[in-house]
């Protein structure tokens, strides 16, 4: 598995998107966890599509009270050299 900071996309300077889902088992913040995706996606639209699908899938489980999709941009690292 490639590191997020040293993956081929980051070294080339292309910003990538990481899907994130906030999962809660009750209406209290203490019951929430953040789950991130294993792969980086090339566009924000693709990221939200994947994140939303995974959040909807999580809501099928009875122990999930709330699932919120998010995306985080992984920007180009300053000072890096394009290959």
N, C-alpha and C. Protein backbone atom coordinates (compact mmCIF):
# COMPACT_ATOMS: atom_id res chain seq x y z
N UNK A 1 0.85 -1.18 0.00
CA UNK A 1 0.00 0.00 0.00
C UNK A 1 0.89 1.24 0.00
N UNK A 2 0.56 2.20 -0.86
CA UNK A 2 1.36 3.41 -0.97
C UNK A 2 0.95 4.43 0.08
N UNK A 3 1.91 5.16 0.56
CA UNK A 3 1.65 6.22 1.51
C UNK A 3 0.90 7.36 0.83
N UNK A 4 0.02 8.02 1.56
CA UNK A 4 -0.71 9.15 0.99
C UNK A 4 0.23 10.28 0.59
N UNK A 5 1.28 10.50 1.37
CA UNK A 5 2.19 11.60 1.09
C UNK A 5 3.18 11.30 -0.02
N UNK A 6 3.44 10.04 -0.28
CA UNK A 6 4.43 9.69 -1.28
C UNK A 6 3.84 8.91 -2.45
N UNK A 7 2.52 8.86 -2.56
CA UNK A 7 1.88 8.17 -3.67
C UNK A 7 2.19 8.85 -4.99
N UNK A 8 1.99 8.16 -6.09
CA UNK A 8 2.37 8.69 -7.40
C UNK A 8 1.65 10.00 -7.73
N UNK A 9 0.41 10.17 -7.28
CA UNK A 9 -0.34 11.38 -7.61
C UNK A 9 0.20 12.59 -6.88
N UNK A 10 0.59 12.43 -5.64
CA UNK A 10 1.10 13.55 -4.86
C UNK A 10 2.45 14.00 -5.41
N UNK A 11 3.29 13.05 -5.77
CA UNK A 11 4.60 13.43 -6.30
C UNK A 11 4.48 14.19 -7.62
N UNK A 12 3.46 13.91 -8.39
CA UNK A 12 3.26 14.62 -9.64
C UNK A 12 2.64 15.98 -9.43
N UNK A 13 2.19 16.28 -8.22
CA UNK A 13 1.64 17.58 -7.92
C UNK A 13 0.15 17.71 -8.18
N UNK A 14 -0.54 16.64 -8.48
CA UNK A 14 -1.97 16.68 -8.72
C UNK A 14 -2.71 16.55 -7.40
N UNK A 15 -3.54 17.52 -7.04
CA UNK A 15 -4.31 17.37 -5.80
C UNK A 15 -5.28 16.19 -5.93
N UNK A 16 -5.42 15.43 -4.87
CA UNK A 16 -6.31 14.27 -4.86
C UNK A 16 -7.32 14.46 -3.73
N UNK A 17 -8.35 13.61 -3.73
CA UNK A 17 -9.43 13.71 -2.75
C UNK A 17 -9.57 12.40 -1.99
N UNK A 18 -9.74 12.50 -0.67
CA UNK A 18 -9.91 11.33 0.18
C UNK A 18 -11.33 11.31 0.74
N UNK A 19 -12.09 10.22 0.47
CA UNK A 19 -13.43 10.12 1.04
C UNK A 19 -13.38 9.88 2.55
N UNK A 20 -14.28 10.54 3.26
CA UNK A 20 -14.37 10.43 4.72
C UNK A 20 -15.84 10.28 5.10
N UNK A 21 -16.12 9.44 6.09
CA UNK A 21 -17.49 9.28 6.58
C UNK A 21 -17.47 9.43 8.10
N UNK A 22 -18.37 10.24 8.60
CA UNK A 22 -18.57 10.38 10.04
C UNK A 22 -19.70 9.42 10.41
N UNK A 23 -19.41 8.42 11.23
CA UNK A 23 -20.40 7.42 11.65
C UNK A 23 -20.71 7.61 13.13
N UNK A 24 -22.01 7.66 13.45
CA UNK A 24 -22.44 7.80 14.85
C UNK A 24 -23.41 6.68 15.18
N UNK A 25 -23.29 6.14 16.39
CA UNK A 25 -24.20 5.08 16.81
C UNK A 25 -25.31 5.60 17.71
N UNK A 26 -25.26 6.88 18.06
CA UNK A 26 -26.28 7.53 18.90
C UNK A 26 -26.24 9.03 18.62
N UNK A 27 -27.20 9.79 19.13
CA UNK A 27 -27.21 11.23 18.86
C UNK A 27 -26.19 12.02 19.71
N UNK A 28 -25.20 11.37 20.25
CA UNK A 28 -24.18 12.02 21.07
C UNK A 28 -22.83 11.98 20.36
N UNK A 29 -22.07 13.05 20.47
CA UNK A 29 -20.79 13.12 19.77
C UNK A 29 -19.81 12.05 20.23
N UNK A 30 -19.93 11.58 21.45
CA UNK A 30 -19.04 10.54 21.97
C UNK A 30 -19.20 9.22 21.22
N UNK A 31 -20.32 9.05 20.53
CA UNK A 31 -20.57 7.79 19.83
C UNK A 31 -20.05 7.81 18.39
N UNK A 32 -19.46 8.92 17.96
CA UNK A 32 -19.05 9.07 16.57
C UNK A 32 -17.59 8.68 16.33
N UNK A 33 -17.35 8.15 15.14
CA UNK A 33 -16.00 7.86 14.68
C UNK A 33 -15.86 8.38 13.25
N UNK A 34 -14.63 8.62 12.84
CA UNK A 34 -14.35 9.06 11.48
C UNK A 34 -13.67 7.92 10.74
N UNK A 35 -14.20 7.59 9.57
CA UNK A 35 -13.66 6.52 8.75
C UNK A 35 -13.18 7.13 7.44
N UNK A 36 -11.95 6.82 7.05
CA UNK A 36 -11.42 7.35 5.79
C UNK A 36 -11.32 6.25 4.75
N UNK A 37 -11.31 6.66 3.49
CA UNK A 37 -11.18 5.70 2.41
C UNK A 37 -9.75 5.21 2.25
N UNK A 38 -9.59 4.09 1.60
CA UNK A 38 -8.26 3.52 1.38
C UNK A 38 -7.59 4.06 0.12
N UNK A 39 -8.34 4.72 -0.72
CA UNK A 39 -7.76 5.20 -1.97
C UNK A 39 -8.06 6.68 -2.15
N UNK A 40 -7.21 7.34 -2.91
CA UNK A 40 -7.41 8.73 -3.24
C UNK A 40 -8.10 8.81 -4.60
N UNK A 41 -8.98 9.78 -4.74
CA UNK A 41 -9.73 9.95 -5.98
C UNK A 41 -9.31 11.24 -6.66
N UNK A 42 -9.50 11.30 -7.97
CA UNK A 42 -8.95 12.42 -8.73
C UNK A 42 -9.82 13.66 -8.76
N UNK A 43 -11.13 13.54 -8.50
CA UNK A 43 -12.00 14.72 -8.54
C UNK A 43 -12.87 14.79 -7.29
N UNK A 44 -13.30 16.00 -6.99
CA UNK A 44 -14.18 16.21 -5.84
C UNK A 44 -15.53 15.52 -6.07
N UNK A 45 -16.04 15.58 -7.28
CA UNK A 45 -17.33 14.96 -7.59
C UNK A 45 -17.27 13.44 -7.40
N UNK A 46 -16.20 12.83 -7.86
CA UNK A 46 -16.03 11.39 -7.70
C UNK A 46 -15.92 11.03 -6.22
N UNK A 47 -15.21 11.85 -5.46
CA UNK A 47 -15.05 11.61 -4.03
C UNK A 47 -16.40 11.66 -3.31
N UNK A 48 -17.19 12.69 -3.58
CA UNK A 48 -18.49 12.79 -2.91
C UNK A 48 -19.44 11.69 -3.36
N UNK A 49 -19.32 11.25 -4.59
CA UNK A 49 -20.15 10.13 -5.05
C UNK A 49 -19.83 8.88 -4.24
N UNK A 50 -18.56 8.56 -4.11
CA UNK A 50 -18.14 7.37 -3.36
C UNK A 50 -18.50 7.52 -1.89
N UNK A 51 -18.20 8.67 -1.31
CA UNK A 51 -18.48 8.91 0.11
C UNK A 51 -19.97 8.81 0.42
N UNK A 52 -20.80 9.38 -0.44
CA UNK A 52 -22.25 9.32 -0.25
C UNK A 52 -22.78 7.90 -0.36
N UNK A 53 -22.27 7.14 -1.34
CA UNK A 53 -22.69 5.74 -1.49
C UNK A 53 -22.33 4.93 -0.25
N UNK A 54 -21.13 5.14 0.27
CA UNK A 54 -20.69 4.39 1.46
C UNK A 54 -21.51 4.79 2.70
N UNK A 55 -21.84 6.08 2.80
CA UNK A 55 -22.65 6.54 3.94
C UNK A 55 -24.05 5.93 3.89
N UNK A 56 -24.64 5.88 2.70
CA UNK A 56 -25.97 5.26 2.55
C UNK A 56 -25.92 3.78 2.88
N UNK A 57 -24.84 3.13 2.46
CA UNK A 57 -24.68 1.71 2.76
C UNK A 57 -24.55 1.48 4.27
N UNK A 58 -23.83 2.36 4.95
CA UNK A 58 -23.65 2.24 6.40
C UNK A 58 -24.97 2.38 7.14
N UNK A 59 -25.87 3.21 6.64
CA UNK A 59 -27.16 3.42 7.30
C UNK A 59 -28.05 2.19 7.29
N UNK A 60 -27.71 1.20 6.51
CA UNK A 60 -28.48 -0.06 6.49
C UNK A 60 -28.26 -0.89 7.75
N UNK A 61 -27.17 -0.62 8.45
CA UNK A 61 -26.88 -1.37 9.68
C UNK A 61 -27.65 -0.75 10.84
N UNK A 62 -28.28 -1.58 11.67
CA UNK A 62 -29.11 -1.04 12.75
C UNK A 62 -28.34 -0.28 13.83
N UNK A 63 -27.05 -0.55 13.98
CA UNK A 63 -26.28 0.15 15.02
C UNK A 63 -25.73 1.50 14.55
N UNK A 64 -26.02 1.92 13.31
CA UNK A 64 -25.59 3.22 12.80
C UNK A 64 -26.76 4.19 12.89
N UNK A 65 -26.61 5.21 13.71
CA UNK A 65 -27.64 6.23 13.90
C UNK A 65 -27.57 7.29 12.82
N UNK A 66 -26.34 7.67 12.46
CA UNK A 66 -26.14 8.72 11.48
C UNK A 66 -24.84 8.47 10.74
N UNK A 67 -24.83 8.75 9.42
CA UNK A 67 -23.63 8.64 8.59
C UNK A 67 -23.57 9.86 7.68
N UNK A 68 -22.51 10.63 7.80
CA UNK A 68 -22.35 11.86 7.02
C UNK A 68 -21.13 11.75 6.11
N UNK A 69 -21.33 11.96 4.81
CA UNK A 69 -20.20 11.90 3.88
C UNK A 69 -19.44 13.22 3.82
N UNK A 70 -18.12 13.13 3.72
CA UNK A 70 -17.25 14.28 3.56
C UNK A 70 -16.12 13.91 2.62
N UNK A 71 -15.39 14.92 2.15
CA UNK A 71 -14.19 14.69 1.35
C UNK A 71 -13.12 15.68 1.79
N UNK A 72 -11.88 15.22 1.78
CA UNK A 72 -10.75 16.06 2.15
C UNK A 72 -9.78 16.12 0.97
N UNK A 73 -9.41 17.34 0.59
CA UNK A 73 -8.43 17.47 -0.49
C UNK A 73 -7.04 17.21 0.08
N UNK A 74 -6.24 16.49 -0.66
CA UNK A 74 -4.85 16.25 -0.32
C UNK A 74 -4.06 17.10 -1.32
N UNK A 75 -3.59 18.27 -0.90
CA UNK A 75 -2.98 19.21 -1.84
C UNK A 75 -1.57 18.82 -2.25
N UNK A 76 -1.09 19.53 -3.25
CA UNK A 76 0.29 19.39 -3.68
C UNK A 76 1.19 19.85 -2.53
N UNK A 77 2.24 19.11 -2.27
CA UNK A 77 3.17 19.44 -1.20
C UNK A 77 4.07 20.57 -1.66
N UNK A 78 4.23 21.61 -0.82
CA UNK A 78 5.08 22.75 -1.18
C UNK A 78 6.54 22.28 -1.28
N UNK A 79 7.21 22.79 -2.27
CA UNK A 79 8.62 22.50 -2.42
C UNK A 79 8.91 21.19 -3.12
N UNK A 80 7.89 20.48 -3.55
CA UNK A 80 8.13 19.22 -4.22
C UNK A 80 8.54 19.46 -5.67
N UNK A 81 9.17 18.49 -6.24
CA UNK A 81 9.62 18.57 -7.62
C UNK A 81 8.73 17.69 -8.47
N UNK A 82 8.19 18.24 -9.56
CA UNK A 82 7.39 17.43 -10.48
C UNK A 82 8.29 16.47 -11.23
N UNK A 83 7.82 15.24 -11.38
CA UNK A 83 8.60 14.20 -12.07
C UNK A 83 8.05 14.03 -13.47
